[in-house]
Amino acid sequence: MMMETLVAERRDDRTAAVSEGAISAVGAQSLSPREREIASLTCRGLSNKEIGRRLDISHHTVSTHMRRIFDKLGVNRRACLARIAAEAGL
């Protein structure tokens, strides 16, 4: 019984995250050109270090951009970013 409750709670959490993420697609328009570029590279599967090398910036700078992107879109995972980016046509 306890396991069923945990599974149901996790499912509800994921559903809520997807709903919030869909609303965040509007926030994708608020990204700066550099944030859009980094979001695009992230969606292609590049790590922060790989993005930094490609753009000739520090991976710490990439991390800062990622935090700002996540804040603007209301997400906290790269997978959610990828879904929102696809919906917004980034």
C-alpha atoms as a PDB file:
ATOM      1  CA  MET A   1       0.000   0.000   0.000  1.00  0.00           C
ATOM      2  CA  MET A   2       2.810   2.404   0.883  1.00  0.00           C
ATOM      3  CA  MET A   3       4.535   1.805  -2.472  1.00  0.00           C
ATOM      4  CA  GLU A   4       1.334   2.552  -4.398  1.00  0.00           C
ATOM      5  CA  THR A   5       1.002   5.853  -2.567  1.00  0.00           C
ATOM      6  CA  LEU A   6       4.585   6.835  -3.415  1.00  0.00           C
ATOM      7  CA  VAL A   7       4.112   5.944  -7.066  1.00  0.00           C
ATOM      8  CA  ALA A   8       0.898   7.986  -7.239  1.00  0.00           C
ATOM      9  CA  GLU A   9       2.583  10.987  -5.594  1.00  0.00           C
ATOM     10  CA  ARG A  10       5.513  10.867  -8.037  1.00  0.00           C
ATOM     11  CA  ARG A  11       3.108  10.631 -10.971  1.00  0.00           C
ATOM     12  CA  ASP A  12       1.230  13.705  -9.680  1.00  0.00           C
ATOM     13  CA  ASP A  13       4.518  15.598  -9.290  1.00  0.00           C
ATOM     14  CA  ARG A  14       5.509  14.802 -12.888  1.00  0.00           C
ATOM     15  CA  THR A  15       2.086  15.817 -14.212  1.00  0.00           C
ATOM     16  CA  ALA A  16       2.293  19.123 -12.357  1.00  0.00           C
ATOM     17  CA  ALA A  17       5.793  19.757 -13.731  1.00  0.00           C
ATOM     18  CA  VAL A  18       4.629  19.136 -17.297  1.00  0.00           C
ATOM     19  CA  SER A  19       1.675  21.517 -16.868  1.00  0.00           C
ATOM     20  CA  GLU A  20       3.913  24.220 -15.430  1.00  0.00           C
ATOM     21  CA  GLY A  21       6.431  23.596 -18.210  1.00  0.00           C
ATOM     22  CA  ALA A  22       3.800  24.088 -20.895  1.00  0.00           C
ATOM     23  CA  ILE A  23       2.973  27.486 -19.414  1.00  0.00           C
ATOM     24  CA  SER A  24       6.702  28.269 -19.418  1.00  0.00           C
ATOM     25  CA  ALA A  25       6.856  27.979 -23.201  1.00  0.00           C
ATOM     26  CA  VAL A  26       5.750  31.618 -23.240  1.00  0.00           C
ATOM     27  CA  GLY A  27       8.871  32.459 -21.198  1.00  0.00           C
ATOM     28  CA  ALA A  28      11.059  31.102 -24.000  1.00  0.00           C
ATOM     29  CA  GLN A  29      10.448  34.344 -25.858  1.00  0.00           C
ATOM     30  CA  SER A  30      12.125  36.251 -23.000  1.00  0.00           C
ATOM     31  CA  LEU A  31      15.495  34.554 -23.544  1.00  0.00           C
ATOM     32  CA  SER A  32      18.404  36.646 -24.777  1.00  0.00           C
ATOM     33  CA  PRO A  33      20.077  35.645 -28.036  1.00  0.00           C
ATOM     34  CA  ARG A  34      22.994  34.087 -26.090  1.00  0.00           C
ATOM     35  CA  GLU A  35      20.575  32.182 -23.828  1.00  0.00           C
ATOM     36  CA  ARG A  36      18.762  30.885 -26.903  1.00  0.00           C
ATOM     37  CA  GLU A  37      22.068  29.750 -28.374  1.00  0.00           C
ATOM     38  CA  ILE A  38      23.030  27.938 -25.169  1.00  0.00           C
ATOM     39  CA  ALA A  39      19.555  26.420 -24.843  1.00  0.00           C
ATOM     40  CA  SER A  40      19.816  25.142 -28.403  1.00  0.00           C
ATOM     41  CA  LEU A  41      23.201  23.535 -27.780  1.00  0.00           C
ATOM     42  CA  THR A  42      21.907  22.033 -24.552  1.00  0.00           C
ATOM     43  CA  CYS A  43      18.987  20.506 -26.424  1.00  0.00           C
ATOM     44  CA  ARG A  44      21.468  18.911 -28.822  1.00  0.00           C
ATOM     45  CA  GLY A  45      22.938  17.073 -25.852  1.00  0.00           C
ATOM     46  CA  LEU A  46      26.102  19.081 -25.260  1.00  0.00           C
ATOM     47  CA  SER A  47      27.462  19.365 -21.729  1.00  0.00           C
ATOM     48  CA  ASN A  48      28.290  22.724 -20.159  1.00  0.00           C
ATOM     49  CA  LYS A  49      31.989  22.120 -20.832  1.00  0.00           C
ATOM     50  CA  GLU A  50      31.321  21.253 -24.476  1.00  0.00           C
ATOM     51  CA  ILE A  51      29.150  24.352 -24.896  1.00  0.00           C
ATOM     52  CA  GLY A  52      31.852  26.477 -23.288  1.00  0.00           C
ATOM     53  CA  ARG A  53      34.502  25.118 -25.657  1.00  0.00           C
ATOM     54  CA  ARG A  54      32.296  25.655 -28.698  1.00  0.00           C
ATOM     55  CA  LEU A  55      31.411  29.243 -27.738  1.00  0.00           C
ATOM     56  CA  ASP A  56      34.844  30.049 -26.305  1.00  0.00           C
ATOM     57  CA  ILE A  57      33.475  30.868 -22.849  1.00  0.00           C
ATOM     58  CA  SER A  58      34.004  29.315 -19.424  1.00  0.00           C
ATOM     59  CA  HIS A  59      31.803  26.393 -18.417  1.00  0.00           C
ATOM     60  CA  HIS A  60      31.036  28.487 -15.313  1.00  0.00           C
ATOM     61  CA  THR A  61      29.574  31.151 -17.591  1.00  0.00           C
ATOM     62  CA  VAL A  62      27.515  28.461 -19.296  1.00  0.00           C
ATOM     63  CA  SER A  63      26.251  27.357 -15.864  1.00  0.00           C
ATOM     64  CA  THR A  64      25.238  30.935 -15.089  1.00  0.00           C
ATOM     65  CA  HIS A  65      23.333  31.171 -18.372  1.00  0.00           C
ATOM     66  CA  MET A  66      21.671  27.816 -17.649  1.00  0.00           C
ATOM     67  CA  ARG A  67      20.476  29.008 -14.236  1.00  0.00           C
ATOM     68  CA  ARG A  68      19.005  32.132 -15.835  1.00  0.00           C
ATOM     69  CA  ILE A  69      17.360  30.079 -18.582  1.00  0.00           C
ATOM     70  CA  PHE A  70      15.875  27.682 -16.025  1.00  0.00           C
ATOM     71  CA  ASP A  71      14.610  30.620 -13.921  1.00  0.00           C
ATOM     72  CA  LYS A  72      13.005  32.342 -16.903  1.00  0.00           C
ATOM     73  CA  LEU A  73      11.331  29.138 -18.078  1.00  0.00           C
ATOM     74  CA  GLY A  74      10.421  27.863 -14.631  1.00  0.00           C
ATOM     75  CA  VAL A  75      12.175  24.513 -15.112  1.00  0.00           C
ATOM     76  CA  ASN A  76      14.972  22.716 -13.320  1.00  0.00           C
ATOM     77  CA  ARG A  77      15.957  19.947 -15.736  1.00  0.00           C
ATOM     78  CA  ARG A  78      17.537  19.839 -19.163  1.00  0.00           C
ATOM     79  CA  ALA A  79      14.791  17.488 -20.353  1.00  0.00           C
ATOM     80  CA  CYS A  80      12.127  20.073 -19.500  1.00  0.00           C
ATOM     81  CA  LEU A  81      14.180  22.722 -21.269  1.00  0.00           C
ATOM     82  CA  ALA A  82      14.367  20.537 -24.369  1.00  0.00           C
ATOM     83  CA  ARG A  83      10.603  20.014 -24.423  1.00  0.00           C
ATOM     84  CA  ILE A  84       9.881  23.729 -24.017  1.00  0.00           C
ATOM     85  CA  ALA A  85      12.474  24.631 -26.640  1.00  0.00           C
ATOM     86  CA  ALA A  86      10.864  22.224 -29.101  1.00  0.00           C
ATOM     87  CA  GLU A  87       7.407  23.657 -28.412  1.00  0.00           C
ATOM     88  CA  ALA A  88       8.697  27.218 -28.816  1.00  0.00           C
ATOM     89  CA  GLY A  89      10.678  26.410 -31.947  1.00  0.00           C
ATOM     90  CA  LEU A  90      14.038  27.361 -30.477  1.00  0.00           C
END
